[in-house]
Amino acid sequence: VPRSAASIERTWDGVNAVWGSGSHAVAIASHT
């Protein structure tokens, strides 16, 4: 899927210790 189809829900903003975990949620609302 193109990167433009996905959005990142930034879970760890403001928590420096886990920024690098990359564990933010990735959501695709609708894409064919």
Full PDB file with SEQRES, HELIX, SHEET, SSBOND, CRYST1, ORIGX, SCALE, CONECT and MASTER records, all heavy atoms in Angstrom:
SEQRES   1 A   32  VAL PRO ARG SER ALA ALA SER ILE GLU ARG THR TRP ASP          
SEQRES   2 A   32  GLY VAL ASN ALA VAL TRP GLY SER GLY SER HIS ALA VAL          
SEQRES   3 A   32  ALA ILE ALA SER HIS THR                                      
HELIX    1 AA1 ARG A    3  ALA A    5  5                                   3    
HELIX    2 AA2 ASN A   16  SER A   21  5                                   6    
SHEET    1 AA1 2 SER A   7  GLU A   9  0                                        
SHEET    2 AA1 2 ALA A  25  ALA A  27 -1                                        
CRYST1    1.000    1.000    1.000  90.00  90.00  90.00 P 1           1          
ORIGX1      1.000000  0.000000  0.000000        0.00000                         
ORIGX2      0.000000  1.000000  0.000000        0.00000                         
ORIGX3      0.000000  0.000000  1.000000        0.00000                         
SCALE1      1.000000  0.000000  0.000000        0.00000                         
SCALE2      0.000000  1.000000  0.000000        0.00000                         
SCALE3      0.000000  0.000000  1.000000        0.00000                         
ATOM      1  N   VAL A   1       0.861  -1.183   0.000  1.00  0.00           N  
ATOM      2  CA  VAL A   1       0.000   0.000   0.000  1.00  0.00           C  
ATOM      3  C   VAL A   1       0.898   1.234   0.000  1.00  0.00           C  
ATOM      4  O   VAL A   1       2.001   1.207   0.556  1.00  0.00           O  
ATOM      5  CB  VAL A   1      -0.939   0.041   1.227  1.00  0.00           C  
ATOM      6  CG1 VAL A   1      -1.879  -1.147   1.224  1.00  0.00           C  
ATOM      7  CG2 VAL A   1      -0.144   0.098   2.525  1.00  0.00           C  
ATOM      8  N   PRO A   2       0.469   2.310  -0.617  1.00  0.00           N  
ATOM      9  CA  PRO A   2       1.286   3.530  -0.607  1.00  0.00           C  
ATOM     10  C   PRO A   2       1.334   4.128   0.785  1.00  0.00           C  
ATOM     11  O   PRO A   2       0.392   3.981   1.584  1.00  0.00           O  
ATOM     12  CB  PRO A   2       0.542   4.449  -1.586  1.00  0.00           C  
ATOM     13  CG  PRO A   2      -0.868   3.964  -1.561  1.00  0.00           C  
ATOM     14  CD  PRO A   2      -0.784   2.472  -1.381  1.00  0.00           C  
ATOM     15  N   ARG A   3       2.437   4.775   1.095  1.00  0.00           N  
ATOM     16  CA  ARG A   3       2.579   5.392   2.413  1.00  0.00           C  
ATOM     17  C   ARG A   3       1.470   6.403   2.672  1.00  0.00           C  
ATOM     18  O   ARG A   3       1.014   6.576   3.805  1.00  0.00           O  
ATOM     19  CB  ARG A   3       3.946   6.086   2.512  1.00  0.00           C  
ATOM     20  CG  ARG A   3       4.210   6.727   3.864  1.00  0.00           C  
ATOM     21  CD  ARG A   3       5.592   7.340   3.929  1.00  0.00           C  
ATOM     22  NE  ARG A   3       6.631   6.337   3.745  1.00  0.00           N  
ATOM     23  CZ  ARG A   3       7.932   6.609   3.782  1.00  0.00           C  
ATOM     24  NH1 ARG A   3       8.347   7.860   3.969  1.00  0.00           N  
ATOM     25  NH2 ARG A   3       8.823   5.653   3.619  1.00  0.00           N  
ATOM     26  N   SER A   4       0.995   7.046   1.603  1.00  0.00           N  
ATOM     27  CA  SER A   4      -0.046   8.063   1.747  1.00  0.00           C  
ATOM     28  C   SER A   4      -1.366   7.488   2.255  1.00  0.00           C  
ATOM     29  O   SER A   4      -2.209   8.222   2.767  1.00  0.00           O  
ATOM     30  CB  SER A   4      -0.282   8.777   0.415  1.00  0.00           C  
ATOM     31  OG  SER A   4      -0.660   7.844  -0.589  1.00  0.00           O  
ATOM     32  N   ALA A   5      -1.553   6.168   2.116  1.00  0.00           N  
ATOM     33  CA  ALA A   5      -2.806   5.551   2.557  1.00  0.00           C  
ATOM     34  C   ALA A   5      -2.831   5.311   4.061  1.00  0.00           C  
ATOM     35  O   ALA A   5      -3.889   5.063   4.636  1.00  0.00           O  
ATOM     36  CB  ALA A   5      -3.028   4.228   1.827  1.00  0.00           C  
ATOM     37  N   ALA A   6      -1.670   5.369   4.695  1.00  0.00           N  
ATOM     38  CA  ALA A   6      -1.578   5.065   6.124  1.00  0.00           C  
ATOM     39  C   ALA A   6      -1.347   6.327   6.937  1.00  0.00           C  
ATOM     40  O   ALA A   6      -0.759   7.300   6.459  1.00  0.00           O  
ATOM     41  CB  ALA A   6      -0.451   4.068   6.377  1.00  0.00           C  
ATOM     42  N   SER A   7      -1.823   6.302   8.151  1.00  0.00           N  
ATOM     43  CA  SER A   7      -1.568   7.392   9.084  1.00  0.00           C  
ATOM     44  C   SER A   7      -0.954   6.814  10.358  1.00  0.00           C  
ATOM     45  O   SER A   7      -1.262   5.678  10.743  1.00  0.00           O  
ATOM     46  CB  SER A   7      -2.859   8.151   9.421  1.00  0.00           C  
ATOM     47  OG  SER A   7      -3.793   7.281  10.052  1.00  0.00           O  
ATOM     48  N   ILE A   8      -0.080   7.576  10.977  1.00  0.00           N  
ATOM     49  CA  ILE A   8       0.586   7.128  12.197  1.00  0.00           C  
ATOM     50  C   ILE A   8      -0.024   7.851  13.382  1.00  0.00           C  
ATOM     51  O   ILE A   8      -0.030   9.083  13.429  1.00  0.00           O  
ATOM     52  CB  ILE A   8       2.098   7.379  12.126  1.00  0.00           C  
ATOM     53  CG1 ILE A   8       2.709   6.578  10.972  1.00  0.00           C  
ATOM     54  CG2 ILE A   8       2.770   7.016  13.441  1.00  0.00           C  
ATOM     55  CD1 ILE A   8       4.188   6.817  10.774  1.00  0.00           C  
ATOM     56  N   GLU A   9      -0.529   7.100  14.309  1.00  0.00           N  
ATOM     57  CA  GLU A   9      -1.081   7.666  15.536  1.00  0.00           C  
ATOM     58  C   GLU A   9       0.025   7.659  16.581  1.00  0.00           C  
ATOM     59  O   GLU A   9       0.347   6.625  17.154  1.00  0.00           O  
ATOM     60  CB  GLU A   9      -2.289   6.841  15.985  1.00  0.00           C  
ATOM     61  CG  GLU A   9      -3.401   6.803  14.948  1.00  0.00           C  
ATOM     62  CD  GLU A   9      -4.526   5.862  15.318  1.00  0.00           C  
ATOM     63  OE1 GLU A   9      -4.457   5.257  16.421  1.00  0.00           O  
ATOM     64  OE2 GLU A   9      -5.472   5.727  14.522  1.00  0.00           O  
ATOM     65  N   ARG A  10       0.610   8.811  16.807  1.00  0.00           N  
ATOM     66  CA  ARG A  10       1.819   8.904  17.619  1.00  0.00           C  
ATOM     67  C   ARG A  10       1.494   8.644  19.084  1.00  0.00           C  
ATOM     68  O   ARG A  10       0.954   9.480  19.787  1.00  0.00           O  
ATOM     69  CB  ARG A  10       2.480  10.250  17.413  1.00  0.00           C  
ATOM     70  CG  ARG A  10       2.856  10.519  15.941  1.00  0.00           C  
ATOM     71  CD  ARG A  10       3.804  11.682  15.800  1.00  0.00           C  
ATOM     72  NE  ARG A  10       5.057  11.421  16.459  1.00  0.00           N  
ATOM     73  CZ  ARG A  10       6.059  10.737  15.923  1.00  0.00           C  
ATOM     74  NH1 ARG A  10       5.936  10.230  14.717  1.00  0.00           N  
ATOM     75  NH2 ARG A  10       7.168  10.533  16.588  1.00  0.00           N  
ATOM     76  N   THR A  11       1.838   7.453  19.523  1.00  0.00           N  
ATOM     77  CA  THR A  11       1.507   6.992  20.869  1.00  0.00           C  
ATOM     78  C   THR A  11       2.455   7.554  21.923  1.00  0.00           C  
ATOM     79  O   THR A  11       2.052   7.798  23.061  1.00  0.00           O  
ATOM     80  CB  THR A  11       1.559   5.452  20.917  1.00  0.00           C  
ATOM     81  OG1 THR A  11       0.804   4.933  19.825  1.00  0.00           O  
ATOM     82  CG2 THR A  11       0.997   4.923  22.219  1.00  0.00           C  
ATOM     83  N   TRP A  12       3.715   7.772  21.543  1.00  0.00           N  
ATOM     84  CA  TRP A  12       4.739   8.049  22.546  1.00  0.00           C  
ATOM     85  C   TRP A  12       5.315   9.454  22.483  1.00  0.00           C  
ATOM     86  O   TRP A  12       6.414   9.698  22.979  1.00  0.00           O  
ATOM     87  CB  TRP A  12       5.879   7.037  22.406  1.00  0.00           C  
ATOM     88  CG  TRP A  12       5.445   5.628  22.676  1.00  0.00           C  
ATOM     89  CD1 TRP A  12       5.380   4.606  21.777  1.00  0.00           C  
ATOM     90  CD2 TRP A  12       5.000   5.091  23.916  1.00  0.00           C  
ATOM     91  NE1 TRP A  12       4.926   3.464  22.374  1.00  0.00           N  
ATOM     92  CE2 TRP A  12       4.683   3.736  23.697  1.00  0.00           C  
ATOM     93  CE3 TRP A  12       4.825   5.622  25.195  1.00  0.00           C  
ATOM     94  CZ2 TRP A  12       4.212   2.899  24.706  1.00  0.00           C  
ATOM     95  CZ3 TRP A  12       4.351   4.787  26.203  1.00  0.00           C  
ATOM     96  CH2 TRP A  12       4.052   3.449  25.953  1.00  0.00           C  
ATOM     97  N   ASP A  13       4.632  10.412  21.902  1.00  0.00           N  
ATOM     98  CA  ASP A  13       5.129  11.785  21.915  1.00  0.00           C  
ATOM     99  C   ASP A  13       5.309  12.261  23.354  1.00  0.00           C  
ATOM    100  O   ASP A  13       4.441  12.072  24.208  1.00  0.00           O  
ATOM    101  CB  ASP A  13       4.140  12.715  21.204  1.00  0.00           C  
ATOM    102  CG  ASP A  13       4.318  12.677  19.697  1.00  0.00           C  
ATOM    103  OD1 ASP A  13       5.314  12.088  19.251  1.00  0.00           O  
ATOM    104  OD2 ASP A  13       3.469  13.217  18.976  1.00  0.00           O  
ATOM    105  N   GLY A  14       6.451  12.876  23.613  1.00  0.00           N  
ATOM    106  CA  GLY A  14       6.715  13.383  24.951  1.00  0.00           C  
ATOM    107  C   GLY A  14       7.342  12.368  25.878  1.00  0.00           C  
ATOM    108  O   GLY A  14       7.647  12.683  27.031  1.00  0.00           O  
ATOM    109  N   VAL A  15       7.554  11.142  25.410  1.00  0.00           N  
ATOM    110  CA  VAL A  15       8.181  10.108  26.235  1.00  0.00           C  
ATOM    111  C   VAL A  15       9.449   9.661  25.514  1.00  0.00           C  
ATOM    112  O   VAL A  15       9.445   8.703  24.753  1.00  0.00           O  
ATOM    113  CB  VAL A  15       7.224   8.912  26.455  1.00  0.00           C  
ATOM    114  CG1 VAL A  15       7.816   7.937  27.476  1.00  0.00           C  
ATOM    115  CG2 VAL A  15       5.861   9.395  26.927  1.00  0.00           C  
ATOM    116  N   ASN A  16      10.535  10.390  25.746  1.00  0.00           N  
ATOM    117  CA  ASN A  16      11.761  10.178  24.969  1.00  0.00           C  
ATOM    118  C   ASN A  16      12.272   8.751  24.998  1.00  0.00           C  
ATOM    119  O   ASN A  16      12.812   8.250  24.014  1.00  0.00           O  
ATOM    120  CB  ASN A  16      12.868  11.113  25.474  1.00  0.00           C  
ATOM    121  CG  ASN A  16      12.646  12.546  25.051  1.00  0.00           C  
ATOM    122  OD1 ASN A  16      11.659  12.853  24.399  1.00  0.00           O  
ATOM    123  ND2 ASN A  16      13.551  13.424  25.441  1.00  0.00           N  
ATOM    124  N   ALA A  17      12.106   8.071  26.126  1.00  0.00           N  
ATOM    125  CA  ALA A  17      12.728   6.759  26.285  1.00  0.00           C  
ATOM    126  C   ALA A  17      12.209   5.728  25.298  1.00  0.00           C  
ATOM    127  O   ALA A  17      12.885   4.745  25.022  1.00  0.00           O  
ATOM    128  CB  ALA A  17      12.513   6.243  27.708  1.00  0.00           C  
ATOM    129  N   VAL A  18      11.018   5.920  24.760  1.00  0.00           N  
ATOM    130  CA  VAL A  18      10.482   4.915  23.848  1.00  0.00           C  
ATOM    131  C   VAL A  18      10.179   5.460  22.458  1.00  0.00           C  
ATOM    132  O   VAL A  18       9.532   4.803  21.659  1.00  0.00           O  
ATOM    133  CB  VAL A  18       9.198   4.252  24.433  1.00  0.00           C  
ATOM    134  CG1 VAL A  18       9.541   3.328  25.564  1.00  0.00           C  
ATOM    135  CG2 VAL A  18       8.195   5.293  24.880  1.00  0.00           C  
ATOM    136  N   TRP A  19      10.650   6.654  22.146  1.00  0.00           N  
ATOM    137  CA  TRP A  19      10.490   7.157  20.771  1.00  0.00           C  
ATOM    138  C   TRP A  19      11.079   6.165  19.779  1.00  0.00           C  
ATOM    139  O   TRP A  19      10.506   5.874  18.744  1.00  0.00           O  
ATOM    140  CB  TRP A  19      11.206   8.497  20.618  1.00  0.00           C  
ATOM    141  CG  TRP A  19      10.396   9.683  21.030  1.00  0.00           C  
ATOM    142  CD1 TRP A  19       9.129   9.684  21.560  1.00  0.00           C  
ATOM    143  CD2 TRP A  19      10.794  11.042  20.944  1.00  0.00           C  
ATOM    144  NE1 TRP A  19       8.733  10.962  21.822  1.00  0.00           N  
ATOM    145  CE2 TRP A  19       9.734  11.828  21.450  1.00  0.00           C  
ATOM    146  CE3 TRP A  19      11.942  11.685  20.498  1.00  0.00           C  
ATOM    147  CZ2 TRP A  19       9.789  13.218  21.510  1.00  0.00           C  
ATOM    148  CZ3 TRP A  19      12.002  13.055  20.568  1.00  0.00           C  
ATOM    149  CH2 TRP A  19      10.926  13.816  21.072  1.00  0.00           C  
ATOM    150  N   GLY A  20      12.259   5.669  20.096  1.00  0.00           N  
ATOM    151  CA  GLY A  20      12.971   4.790  19.168  1.00  0.00           C  
ATOM    152  C   GLY A  20      12.357   3.419  19.018  1.00  0.00           C  
ATOM    153  O   GLY A  20      12.789   2.637  18.181  1.00  0.00           O  
ATOM    154  N   SER A  21      11.359   3.092  19.840  1.00  0.00           N  
ATOM    155  CA  SER A  21      10.736   1.774  19.704  1.00  0.00           C  
ATOM    156  C   SER A  21       9.898   1.679  18.444  1.00  0.00           C  
ATOM    157  O   SER A  21       9.600   0.590  17.961  1.00  0.00           O  
ATOM    158  CB  SER A  21       9.852   1.476  20.926  1.00  0.00           C  
ATOM    159  OG  SER A  21       8.704   2.304  20.924  1.00  0.00           O  
ATOM    160  N   GLY A  22       9.493   2.830  17.902  1.00  0.00           N  
ATOM    161  CA  GLY A  22       8.667   2.817  16.701  1.00  0.00           C  
ATOM    162  C   GLY A  22       7.322   2.160  16.925  1.00  0.00           C  
ATOM    163  O   GLY A  22       6.714   1.652  15.983  1.00  0.00           O  
ATOM    164  N   SER A  23       6.867   2.135  18.166  1.00  0.00           N  
ATOM    165  CA  SER A  23       5.642   1.393  18.474  1.00  0.00           C  
ATOM    166  C   SER A  23       4.386   2.240  18.367  1.00  0.00           C  
ATOM    167  O   SER A  23       3.377   1.953  18.999  1.00  0.00           O  
ATOM    168  CB  SER A  23       5.732   0.793  19.887  1.00  0.00           C  
ATOM    169  OG  SER A  23       6.004   1.795  20.854  1.00  0.00           O  
ATOM    170  N   HIS A  24       4.453   3.312  17.602  1.00  0.00           N  
ATOM    171  CA  HIS A  24       3.241   4.075  17.331  1.00  0.00           C  
ATOM    172  C   HIS A  24       2.266   3.212  16.532  1.00  0.00           C  
ATOM    173  O   HIS A  24       2.663   2.305  15.806  1.00  0.00           O  
ATOM    174  CB  HIS A  24       3.575   5.342  16.526  1.00  0.00           C  
ATOM    175  CG  HIS A  24       4.569   6.236  17.182  1.00  0.00           C  
ATOM    176  ND1 HIS A  24       4.392   6.753  18.439  1.00  0.00           N  
ATOM    177  CD2 HIS A  24       5.784   6.677  16.755  1.00  0.00           C  
ATOM    178  CE1 HIS A  24       5.430   7.504  18.753  1.00  0.00           C  
ATOM    179  NE2 HIS A  24       6.297   7.465  17.747  1.00  0.00           N  
ATOM    180  N   ALA A  25       0.991   3.503  16.672  1.00  0.00           N  
ATOM    181  CA  ALA A  25      -0.016   2.741  15.942  1.00  0.00           C  
ATOM    182  C   ALA A  25      -0.088   3.219  14.488  1.00  0.00           C  
ATOM    183  O   ALA A  25       0.001   4.419  14.218  1.00  0.00           O  
ATOM    184  CB  ALA A  25      -1.379   2.895  16.612  1.00  0.00           C  
ATOM    185  N   VAL A  26      -0.212   2.290  13.575  1.00  0.00           N  
ATOM    186  CA  VAL A  26      -0.373   2.604  12.155  1.00  0.00           C  
ATOM    187  C   VAL A  26      -1.791   2.209  11.739  1.00  0.00           C  
ATOM    188  O   VAL A  26      -2.219   1.084  11.982  1.00  0.00           O  
ATOM    189  CB  VAL A  26       0.649   1.852  11.289  1.00  0.00           C  
ATOM    190  CG1 VAL A  26       0.435   2.162   9.815  1.00  0.00           C  
ATOM    191  CG2 VAL A  26       2.069   2.219  11.718  1.00  0.00           C  
ATOM    192  N   ALA A  27      -2.505   3.140  11.151  1.00  0.00           N  
ATOM    193  CA  ALA A  27      -3.894   2.891  10.779  1.00  0.00           C  
ATOM    194  C   ALA A  27      -4.116   3.154   9.295  1.00  0.00           C  
ATOM    195  O   ALA A  27      -3.534   4.076   8.720  1.00  0.00           O  
ATOM    196  CB  ALA A  27      -4.831   3.782  11.600  1.00  0.00           C  
ATOM    197  N   ILE A  28      -4.932   2.320   8.674  1.00  0.00           N  
ATOM    198  CA  ILE A  28      -5.374   2.518   7.293  1.00  0.00           C  
ATOM    199  C   ILE A  28      -6.888   2.529   7.321  1.00  0.00           C  
ATOM    200  O   ILE A  28      -7.532   1.487   7.508  1.00  0.00           O  
ATOM    201  CB  ILE A  28      -4.857   1.407   6.359  1.00  0.00           C  
ATOM    202  CG1 ILE A  28      -3.322   1.387   6.357  1.00  0.00           C  
ATOM    203  CG2 ILE A  28      -5.373   1.615   4.941  1.00  0.00           C  
ATOM    204  CD1 ILE A  28      -2.729   0.284   5.506  1.00  0.00           C  
ATOM    205  N   ALA A  29      -7.457   3.698   7.177  1.00  0.00           N  
ATOM    206  CA  ALA A  29      -8.912   3.837   7.288  1.00  0.00           C  
ATOM    207  C   ALA A  29      -9.624   3.143   6.141  1.00  0.00           C  
ATOM    208  O   ALA A  29     -10.579   2.389   6.343  1.00  0.00           O  
ATOM    209  CB  ALA A  29      -9.296   5.319   7.334  1.00  0.00           C  
ATOM    210  N   SER A  30      -9.147   3.374   4.932  1.00  0.00           N  
ATOM    211  CA  SER A  30      -9.787   2.765   3.761  1.00  0.00           C  
ATOM    212  C   SER A  30      -8.837   2.831   2.581  1.00  0.00           C  
ATOM    213  O   SER A  30      -8.312   3.902   2.263  1.00  0.00           O  
ATOM    214  CB  SER A  30     -11.103   3.498   3.423  1.00  0.00           C  
ATOM    215  OG  SER A  30     -11.689   2.958   2.259  1.00  0.00           O  
ATOM    216  N   HIS A  31      -8.600   1.686   1.957  1.00  0.00           N  
ATOM    217  CA  HIS A  31      -7.737   1.671   0.780  1.00  0.00           C  
ATOM    218  C   HIS A  31      -8.004   0.402  -0.016  1.00  0.00           C  
ATOM    219  O   HIS A  31      -8.007  -0.705   0.537  1.00  0.00           O  
ATOM    220  CB  HIS A  31      -6.258   1.723   1.169  1.00  0.00           C  
ATOM    221  CG  HIS A  31      -5.349   1.740  -0.020  1.00  0.00           C  
ATOM    222  ND1 HIS A  31      -5.188   2.852  -0.817  1.00  0.00           N  
ATOM    223  CD2 HIS A  31      -4.574   0.764  -0.565  1.00  0.00           C  
ATOM    224  CE1 HIS A  31      -4.338   2.574  -1.796  1.00  0.00           C  
ATOM    225  NE2 HIS A  31      -3.951   1.319  -1.662  1.00  0.00           N  
ATOM    226  N   THR A  32      -8.245   0.556  -1.293  1.00  0.00           N  
ATOM    227  CA  THR A  32      -8.467  -0.595  -2.168  1.00  0.00           C  
ATOM    228  C   THR A  32      -7.136  -1.039  -2.759  1.00  0.00           C  
ATOM    229  O   THR A  32      -6.421  -0.236  -3.370  1.00  0.00           O  
ATOM    230  CB  THR A  32      -9.441  -0.241  -3.308  1.00  0.00           C  
ATOM    231  OG1 THR A  32     -10.694   0.170  -2.741  1.00  0.00           O  
ATOM    232  CG2 THR A  32      -9.665  -1.440  -4.205  1.00  0.00           C  
TER     233      THR A  32                                                      
MASTER        0    0    0    2    2    0    0    6  232    1    0    3          
END                                                                             
